[in-house]
N, C-alpha and C. Protein backbone atom coordinates (compact mmCIF):
# COMPACT_ATOMS: atom_id res chain seq x y z
N MET A 1 -11.49 3.19 -11.01
CA MET A 1 -10.57 2.80 -12.05
C MET A 1 -9.29 3.57 -11.87
N GLY A 2 -8.17 2.92 -12.07
CA GLY A 2 -6.89 3.58 -11.92
C GLY A 2 -5.93 3.26 -13.04
N GLN A 3 -5.13 4.22 -13.39
CA GLN A 3 -4.00 4.07 -14.30
C GLN A 3 -2.78 4.52 -13.50
N ILE A 4 -1.89 3.63 -13.21
CA ILE A 4 -0.76 3.90 -12.33
C ILE A 4 0.54 3.68 -13.09
N THR A 5 1.53 4.49 -12.80
CA THR A 5 2.87 4.28 -13.35
C THR A 5 3.71 3.63 -12.26
N VAL A 6 3.74 2.31 -12.27
CA VAL A 6 4.43 1.52 -11.25
C VAL A 6 5.94 1.57 -11.52
N LYS A 7 6.71 1.76 -10.44
CA LYS A 7 8.18 1.79 -10.56
C LYS A 7 8.76 0.39 -10.69
N ASP A 8 8.36 -0.52 -9.80
CA ASP A 8 8.91 -1.87 -9.75
C ASP A 8 7.76 -2.83 -9.43
N TYR A 9 7.37 -3.65 -10.39
CA TYR A 9 6.19 -4.50 -10.22
C TYR A 9 6.26 -5.43 -9.01
N PRO A 10 7.33 -6.21 -8.83
CA PRO A 10 7.35 -7.11 -7.67
C PRO A 10 7.21 -6.35 -6.33
N GLU A 11 7.88 -5.23 -6.21
CA GLU A 11 7.77 -4.45 -4.98
C GLU A 11 6.36 -3.88 -4.81
N TYR A 12 5.78 -3.41 -5.91
CA TYR A 12 4.43 -2.85 -5.88
C TYR A 12 3.41 -3.91 -5.42
N ILE A 13 3.51 -5.09 -6.00
CA ILE A 13 2.58 -6.17 -5.63
C ILE A 13 2.77 -6.56 -4.18
N ASP A 14 4.01 -6.68 -3.73
CA ASP A 14 4.31 -7.09 -2.36
C ASP A 14 3.86 -6.05 -1.34
N LYS A 15 4.16 -4.80 -1.57
CA LYS A 15 3.93 -3.76 -0.56
C LYS A 15 2.59 -3.04 -0.71
N TYR A 16 1.94 -3.18 -1.86
CA TYR A 16 0.66 -2.51 -2.06
C TYR A 16 -0.42 -3.48 -2.52
N GLY A 17 -0.15 -4.20 -3.60
CA GLY A 17 -1.18 -5.05 -4.20
C GLY A 17 -1.75 -6.10 -3.28
N MET A 18 -0.90 -6.86 -2.63
CA MET A 18 -1.39 -7.91 -1.74
C MET A 18 -2.10 -7.34 -0.51
N PRO A 19 -1.52 -6.35 0.17
CA PRO A 19 -2.23 -5.80 1.33
C PRO A 19 -3.56 -5.13 0.98
N VAL A 20 -3.61 -4.46 -0.19
CA VAL A 20 -4.84 -3.75 -0.54
C VAL A 20 -5.95 -4.71 -0.95
N ALA A 21 -5.60 -5.88 -1.44
CA ALA A 21 -6.62 -6.83 -1.90
C ALA A 21 -7.59 -7.22 -0.80
N SER A 22 -7.09 -7.54 0.38
CA SER A 22 -7.99 -7.92 1.48
C SER A 22 -8.79 -6.73 1.97
N LEU A 23 -8.22 -5.55 1.90
CA LEU A 23 -8.93 -4.35 2.34
C LEU A 23 -10.07 -4.01 1.36
N VAL A 24 -9.82 -4.16 0.08
CA VAL A 24 -10.87 -3.95 -0.92
C VAL A 24 -12.03 -4.89 -0.64
N THR A 25 -11.73 -6.16 -0.38
CA THR A 25 -12.76 -7.15 -0.07
C THR A 25 -13.54 -6.77 1.18
N LYS A 26 -12.84 -6.29 2.19
CA LYS A 26 -13.49 -5.88 3.44
C LYS A 26 -14.56 -4.82 3.19
N TYR A 27 -14.31 -3.93 2.23
CA TYR A 27 -15.26 -2.86 1.93
C TYR A 27 -16.24 -3.23 0.82
N GLY A 28 -16.31 -4.52 0.49
CA GLY A 28 -17.30 -5.01 -0.47
C GLY A 28 -16.87 -4.91 -1.91
N GLY A 29 -15.60 -4.59 -2.15
CA GLY A 29 -15.12 -4.44 -3.51
C GLY A 29 -14.58 -5.73 -4.08
N GLU A 30 -14.48 -5.76 -5.40
CA GLU A 30 -13.85 -6.89 -6.08
C GLU A 30 -13.08 -6.36 -7.28
N PHE A 31 -11.91 -6.94 -7.51
CA PHE A 31 -11.09 -6.56 -8.65
C PHE A 31 -11.66 -7.16 -9.92
N LEU A 32 -11.89 -6.33 -10.92
CA LEU A 32 -12.33 -6.80 -12.22
C LEU A 32 -11.15 -6.83 -13.20
N VAL A 33 -10.22 -5.90 -13.03
CA VAL A 33 -9.03 -5.82 -13.87
C VAL A 33 -7.85 -5.40 -13.01
N ALA A 34 -6.73 -6.04 -13.21
CA ALA A 34 -5.44 -5.62 -12.65
C ALA A 34 -4.40 -6.14 -13.63
N SER A 35 -3.90 -5.25 -14.48
CA SER A 35 -3.11 -5.73 -15.61
C SER A 35 -2.06 -4.73 -16.07
N ARG A 36 -0.96 -5.27 -16.57
CA ARG A 36 0.08 -4.47 -17.21
C ARG A 36 -0.27 -4.22 -18.67
N SER A 37 -1.21 -4.96 -19.19
CA SER A 37 -1.55 -4.89 -20.61
C SER A 37 -2.77 -4.01 -20.84
N ALA A 38 -2.58 -2.98 -21.65
CA ALA A 38 -3.69 -2.15 -22.11
C ALA A 38 -3.38 -1.78 -23.54
N GLU A 39 -4.32 -1.99 -24.42
CA GLU A 39 -4.12 -1.67 -25.82
C GLU A 39 -4.90 -0.41 -26.16
N GLU A 40 -4.17 0.63 -26.51
CA GLU A 40 -4.80 1.90 -26.87
C GLU A 40 -5.50 1.76 -28.22
N LEU A 41 -6.76 2.09 -28.26
CA LEU A 41 -7.49 2.12 -29.52
C LEU A 41 -7.70 3.57 -29.98
N GLU A 42 -7.85 4.47 -29.01
CA GLU A 42 -8.00 5.89 -29.30
C GLU A 42 -7.36 6.67 -28.16
N GLY A 43 -6.86 7.84 -28.45
CA GLY A 43 -6.29 8.70 -27.42
C GLY A 43 -5.01 8.15 -26.84
N GLU A 44 -4.69 8.63 -25.65
CA GLU A 44 -3.48 8.21 -24.96
C GLU A 44 -3.83 7.51 -23.66
N TRP A 45 -3.15 6.43 -23.38
CA TRP A 45 -3.34 5.69 -22.14
C TRP A 45 -2.11 5.92 -21.28
N TYR A 46 -2.32 6.39 -20.09
CA TYR A 46 -1.21 6.72 -19.20
C TYR A 46 -0.92 5.56 -18.25
N GLY A 47 0.29 5.49 -17.81
CA GLY A 47 0.67 4.49 -16.83
C GLY A 47 1.01 3.16 -17.46
N ASN A 48 1.46 2.24 -16.59
CA ASN A 48 1.82 0.90 -17.04
C ASN A 48 1.10 -0.17 -16.22
N TRP A 49 0.09 0.25 -15.46
CA TRP A 49 -0.70 -0.67 -14.64
C TRP A 49 -2.12 -0.14 -14.61
N THR A 50 -3.07 -0.98 -14.98
CA THR A 50 -4.47 -0.58 -15.00
C THR A 50 -5.23 -1.45 -14.02
N VAL A 51 -6.09 -0.81 -13.25
CA VAL A 51 -6.90 -1.54 -12.28
C VAL A 51 -8.34 -1.02 -12.33
N VAL A 52 -9.28 -1.96 -12.28
CA VAL A 52 -10.70 -1.63 -12.18
C VAL A 52 -11.25 -2.44 -11.01
N VAL A 53 -11.82 -1.73 -10.05
CA VAL A 53 -12.40 -2.35 -8.87
C VAL A 53 -13.87 -1.97 -8.81
N ARG A 54 -14.73 -2.96 -8.61
CA ARG A 54 -16.16 -2.69 -8.46
C ARG A 54 -16.53 -2.73 -6.98
N PHE A 55 -17.18 -1.67 -6.53
CA PHE A 55 -17.73 -1.60 -5.18
C PHE A 55 -19.25 -1.59 -5.28
N PRO A 56 -19.93 -1.98 -4.20
CA PRO A 56 -21.39 -2.01 -4.26
C PRO A 56 -22.03 -0.63 -4.40
N SER A 57 -21.29 0.42 -4.05
CA SER A 57 -21.82 1.77 -4.15
C SER A 57 -20.67 2.77 -4.13
N LYS A 58 -20.99 3.99 -4.52
CA LYS A 58 -20.00 5.06 -4.45
C LYS A 58 -19.60 5.29 -3.00
N ASP A 59 -20.56 5.22 -2.10
CA ASP A 59 -20.26 5.40 -0.67
C ASP A 59 -19.27 4.35 -0.17
N ALA A 60 -19.42 3.11 -0.61
CA ALA A 60 -18.49 2.05 -0.20
C ALA A 60 -17.09 2.32 -0.74
N ALA A 61 -17.02 2.78 -1.99
CA ALA A 61 -15.71 3.10 -2.58
C ALA A 61 -15.04 4.23 -1.82
N LEU A 62 -15.80 5.26 -1.48
CA LEU A 62 -15.24 6.39 -0.74
C LEU A 62 -14.87 5.99 0.68
N ALA A 63 -15.66 5.12 1.30
CA ALA A 63 -15.33 4.64 2.65
C ALA A 63 -14.00 3.90 2.63
N PHE A 64 -13.78 3.07 1.60
CA PHE A 64 -12.50 2.39 1.45
C PHE A 64 -11.38 3.40 1.28
N TYR A 65 -11.53 4.29 0.31
CA TYR A 65 -10.47 5.24 -0.03
C TYR A 65 -10.11 6.16 1.14
N ASN A 66 -11.09 6.55 1.91
CA ASN A 66 -10.87 7.48 3.02
C ASN A 66 -10.61 6.80 4.36
N SER A 67 -10.53 5.47 4.37
CA SER A 67 -10.34 4.75 5.63
C SER A 67 -8.94 4.94 6.20
N THR A 68 -8.85 4.85 7.52
CA THR A 68 -7.54 4.94 8.17
C THR A 68 -6.68 3.73 7.82
N GLU A 69 -7.33 2.61 7.50
CA GLU A 69 -6.58 1.40 7.12
C GLU A 69 -5.89 1.57 5.77
N TYR A 70 -6.53 2.31 4.86
CA TYR A 70 -5.97 2.49 3.53
C TYR A 70 -4.91 3.60 3.49
N ALA A 71 -4.96 4.52 4.42
CA ALA A 71 -4.05 5.69 4.41
C ALA A 71 -2.58 5.32 4.22
N PRO A 72 -2.02 4.37 4.97
CA PRO A 72 -0.60 4.06 4.76
C PRO A 72 -0.33 3.40 3.40
N LEU A 73 -1.29 2.65 2.88
CA LEU A 73 -1.12 2.04 1.55
C LEU A 73 -1.20 3.11 0.46
N LEU A 74 -2.10 4.04 0.63
CA LEU A 74 -2.21 5.16 -0.31
C LEU A 74 -0.91 5.96 -0.33
N ASP A 75 -0.37 6.23 0.84
CA ASP A 75 0.90 6.95 0.94
C ASP A 75 2.02 6.19 0.23
N ALA A 76 2.09 4.89 0.46
CA ALA A 76 3.12 4.08 -0.18
C ALA A 76 2.96 4.08 -1.70
N ARG A 77 1.72 3.93 -2.16
CA ARG A 77 1.48 3.90 -3.60
C ARG A 77 1.86 5.23 -4.25
N THR A 78 1.42 6.32 -3.67
CA THR A 78 1.62 7.61 -4.33
C THR A 78 3.02 8.19 -4.12
N ASN A 79 3.67 7.88 -3.01
CA ASN A 79 4.94 8.53 -2.70
C ASN A 79 6.17 7.64 -2.83
N LYS A 80 5.97 6.32 -2.92
CA LYS A 80 7.13 5.44 -2.95
C LYS A 80 7.11 4.44 -4.10
N LEU A 81 5.96 3.88 -4.40
CA LEU A 81 5.88 2.74 -5.31
C LEU A 81 5.50 3.09 -6.74
N SER A 82 5.11 4.35 -6.96
CA SER A 82 4.71 4.74 -8.31
C SER A 82 5.18 6.15 -8.62
N ASN A 83 5.09 6.46 -9.89
CA ASN A 83 5.38 7.83 -10.34
C ASN A 83 4.08 8.54 -10.69
N GLY A 84 3.05 8.26 -9.90
CA GLY A 84 1.76 8.91 -10.10
C GLY A 84 0.81 8.10 -10.95
N GLY A 85 -0.30 8.73 -11.26
CA GLY A 85 -1.31 8.07 -12.06
C GLY A 85 -2.63 8.80 -11.96
N ASN A 86 -3.67 8.15 -12.41
CA ASN A 86 -5.03 8.67 -12.35
C ASN A 86 -5.90 7.67 -11.60
N LEU A 87 -6.79 8.19 -10.78
CA LEU A 87 -7.73 7.34 -10.06
C LEU A 87 -9.08 8.04 -10.09
N VAL A 88 -10.11 7.35 -10.55
CA VAL A 88 -11.44 7.95 -10.66
C VAL A 88 -12.50 6.99 -10.14
N ILE A 89 -13.61 7.56 -9.70
CA ILE A 89 -14.81 6.78 -9.37
C ILE A 89 -15.81 7.06 -10.48
N VAL A 90 -16.34 6.00 -11.05
CA VAL A 90 -17.33 6.11 -12.11
C VAL A 90 -18.54 5.29 -11.69
N GLU A 91 -19.70 5.93 -11.64
CA GLU A 91 -20.90 5.18 -11.31
C GLU A 91 -21.32 4.38 -12.53
N GLY A 92 -21.73 3.15 -12.30
CA GLY A 92 -22.00 2.22 -13.39
C GLY A 92 -23.41 2.30 -13.94
N LEU A 93 -23.65 1.42 -14.87
CA LEU A 93 -24.93 1.35 -15.56
C LEU A 93 -26.09 1.09 -14.60
N HIS A 94 -25.89 0.26 -13.61
CA HIS A 94 -26.94 -0.05 -12.64
C HIS A 94 -27.47 1.22 -12.00
N HIS A 95 -26.57 2.16 -11.68
CA HIS A 95 -26.97 3.43 -11.08
C HIS A 95 -27.87 4.22 -12.04
N MET A 96 -27.58 4.16 -13.33
CA MET A 96 -28.38 4.88 -14.31
C MET A 96 -29.74 4.23 -14.53
N LEU A 97 -29.77 2.90 -14.54
CA LEU A 97 -31.01 2.19 -14.79
C LEU A 97 -31.95 2.18 -13.58
N TYR A 98 -31.34 2.15 -12.39
CA TYR A 98 -32.12 2.06 -11.16
C TYR A 98 -31.66 3.15 -10.18
N PRO A 99 -31.93 4.42 -10.47
CA PRO A 99 -31.40 5.51 -9.66
C PRO A 99 -31.87 5.53 -8.21
N ASN A 100 -32.96 4.87 -7.90
CA ASN A 100 -33.49 4.88 -6.52
C ASN A 100 -33.05 3.69 -5.70
N LYS A 101 -32.17 2.85 -6.26
CA LYS A 101 -31.72 1.67 -5.53
C LYS A 101 -30.30 1.85 -5.10
């Protein structure tokens, strides 16, 4: 899950969003959320772009994130296309219900 402060949406989508989409798919991931809209119900929500990507496992998510293919996109996102953000890996309910699978 990520909360990103995007500088320019069209540029972000062109130079990061579109290229990263096929790479996420290659590593077994799928986008569940990619939106400018987030309604705070409690606390503070940072950034102006929220993304949730589901991977088949934590290992698959880390393989994507640490891949040489993602490195230039990560650099572009963090150093050129955004003013930072938060990115976390959260293991889902399936992991809790079926810890040996």
